[in-house]
Each structure stands twice: as structure tokens, then as C-alpha cells.
C-alpha atoms as a PDB file:
ATOM      1  CA  UNK A   1     -79.086  33.522-265.359  1.00  0.00           C
ATOM      2  CA  UNK A   2     -81.335  33.628-262.358  1.00  0.00           C
ATOM      3  CA  UNK A   3     -81.218  36.293-259.614  1.00  0.00           C
ATOM      4  CA  UNK A   4     -78.510  34.254-257.820  1.00  0.00           C
ATOM      5  CA  UNK A   5     -76.259  34.459-260.898  1.00  0.00           C
ATOM      6  CA  UNK A   6     -76.676  30.769-261.770  1.00  0.00           C
ATOM      7  CA  UNK A   7     -76.847  29.752-265.430  1.00  0.00           C
ATOM      8  CA  UNK A   8     -79.674  27.528-266.694  1.00  0.00           C
ATOM      9  CA  UNK A   9     -76.993  25.290-268.197  1.00  0.00           C
ATOM     10  CA  UNK A  10     -76.989  22.059-270.192  1.00  0.00           C
ATOM     11  CA  UNK A  11     -78.053  19.814-267.286  1.00  0.00           C
ATOM     12  CA  UNK A  12     -81.334  21.680-266.779  1.00  0.00           C
ATOM     13  CA  UNK A  13     -81.872  21.801-270.541  1.00  0.00           C
ATOM     14  CA  UNK A  14     -81.345  18.033-270.781  1.00  0.00           C
ATOM     15  CA  UNK A  15     -83.835  17.452-267.965  1.00  0.00           C
ATOM     16  CA  UNK A  16     -86.547  19.524-269.674  1.00  0.00           C
ATOM     17  CA  UNK A  17     -85.996  17.813-273.029  1.00  0.00           C
ATOM     18  CA  UNK A  18     -85.901  14.302-271.566  1.00  0.00           C
ATOM     19  CA  UNK A  19     -89.168  14.880-269.644  1.00  0.00           C
ATOM     20  CA  UNK A  20     -90.835  16.051-272.869  1.00  0.00           C
ATOM     21  CA  UNK A  21     -89.158  13.832-275.480  1.00  0.00           C
ATOM     22  CA  UNK A  22     -92.494  12.553-276.805  1.00  0.00           C
ATOM     23  CA  UNK A  23     -93.798  16.089-277.446  1.00  0.00           C
ATOM     24  CA  UNK A  24     -93.648  17.770-280.833  1.00  0.00           C
ATOM     25  CA  UNK A  25     -90.702  20.052-281.596  1.00  0.00           C
ATOM     26  CA  UNK A  26     -92.969  23.048-280.870  1.00  0.00           C
ATOM     27  CA  UNK A  27     -94.048  21.428-277.608  1.00  0.00           C
ATOM     28  CA  UNK A  28     -90.443  20.926-276.530  1.00  0.00           C
ATOM     29  CA  UNK A  29     -89.693  24.548-277.410  1.00  0.00           C
ATOM     30  CA  UNK A  30     -92.633  25.705-275.308  1.00  0.00           C
ATOM     31  CA  UNK A  31     -91.497  23.615-272.313  1.00  0.00           C
ATOM     32  CA  UNK A  32     -87.932  24.947-272.583  1.00  0.00           C
ATOM     33  CA  UNK A  33     -89.171  28.536-272.767  1.00  0.00           C
ATOM     34  CA  UNK A  34     -91.455  27.980-269.763  1.00  0.00           C
ATOM     35  CA  UNK A  35     -88.603  26.420-267.751  1.00  0.00           C
ATOM     36  CA  UNK A  36     -86.291  29.321-268.646  1.00  0.00           C
ATOM     37  CA  UNK A  37     -88.900  31.903-267.663  1.00  0.00           C
ATOM     38  CA  UNK A  38     -89.484  30.193-264.322  1.00  0.00           C
ATOM     39  CA  UNK A  39     -85.746  29.775-263.691  1.00  0.00           C
ATOM     40  CA  UNK A  40     -84.838  33.386-264.544  1.00  0.00           C
ATOM     41  CA  UNK A  41     -87.529  34.866-262.282  1.00  0.00           C
ATOM     42  CA  UNK A  42     -87.618  38.089-264.294  1.00  0.00           C
ATOM     43  CA  UNK A  43     -83.853  38.494-264.634  1.00  0.00           C
ATOM     44  CA  UNK A  44     -83.190  39.948-268.115  1.00  0.00           C
ATOM     45  CA  UNK A  45     -81.246  37.750-270.534  1.00  0.00           C
ATOM     46  CA  UNK A  46     -77.570  38.649-270.825  1.00  0.00           C
ATOM     47  CA  UNK A  47     -77.523  37.413-274.428  1.00  0.00           C
ATOM     48  CA  UNK A  48     -79.929  36.235-277.105  1.00  0.00           C
ATOM     49  CA  UNK A  49     -81.566  32.824-276.924  1.00  0.00           C
ATOM     50  CA  UNK A  50     -81.506  30.501-279.931  1.00  0.00           C
ATOM     51  CA  UNK A  51     -83.087  27.058-280.035  1.00  0.00           C
ATOM     52  CA  UNK A  52     -82.850  24.508-282.829  1.00  0.00           C
ATOM     53  CA  UNK A  53     -84.995  21.443-282.254  1.00  0.00           C
ATOM     54  CA  UNK A  54     -84.823  18.535-284.692  1.00  0.00           C
ATOM     55  CA  UNK A  55     -86.951  15.423-284.393  1.00  0.00           C
ATOM     56  CA  UNK A  56     -86.412  12.372-286.562  1.00  0.00           C
ATOM     57  CA  UNK A  57     -89.249  10.125-287.635  1.00  0.00           C
ATOM     58  CA  UNK A  58     -88.660   6.393-287.474  1.00  0.00           C
ATOM     59  CA  UNK A  59     -88.105   4.576-290.733  1.00  0.00           C
ATOM     60  CA  UNK A  60     -91.125   2.571-291.929  1.00  0.00           C
ATOM     61  CA  UNK A  61     -89.149  -0.683-291.563  1.00  0.00           C
ATOM     62  CA  UNK A  62     -88.243   0.187-287.950  1.00  0.00           C
ATOM     63  CA  UNK A  63     -91.869   0.861-287.135  1.00  0.00           C
ATOM     64  CA  UNK A  64     -93.093  -2.397-288.675  1.00  0.00           C
ATOM     65  CA  UNK A  65     -90.331  -4.392-286.946  1.00  0.00           C
ATOM     66  CA  UNK A  66     -91.266  -2.872-283.596  1.00  0.00           C
ATOM     67  CA  UNK A  67     -94.933  -3.659-284.187  1.00  0.00           C
ATOM     68  CA  UNK A  68     -94.113  -7.299-284.961  1.00  0.00           C
ATOM     69  CA  UNK A  69     -92.135  -7.908-281.775  1.00  0.00           C
END
């Protein structure tokens, strides 16, 4: 929550992830943590924070098909 009592929420999380979708998993984590820190403005967390970030690599056939189009 921020000082106004607003939660970061899924919409803000989606926005951060979508702006950084091409980053590595660690890069996405860093951007989320930075956005949370900025949003909270020093307000202590009311609960723990857990992130699980999974990125899937394209199949070799998908990559070659995309390259041929």
C-alpha cells in the first residue's frame, strides 16, 4: 500500500510487466521491485512479497518459421 492506503494491485503489476516483457526474468523482477518501491513511498509492507517469474523460450520450429516469413 502507498501512504493513501491504495494497493499496488494487479493492474499496475500488469503494466510494469507488459512494458518490460522483453527483459530477462531478473530484469522484470527488478522493474517490479522498483515500481513497488516508488509506489509505496516508504510505507512498510503489510505482508511479505513473493514473485514467481517464468519465461518460456520459443520452440526451434517456431523461431525458424518466424524467420522464414
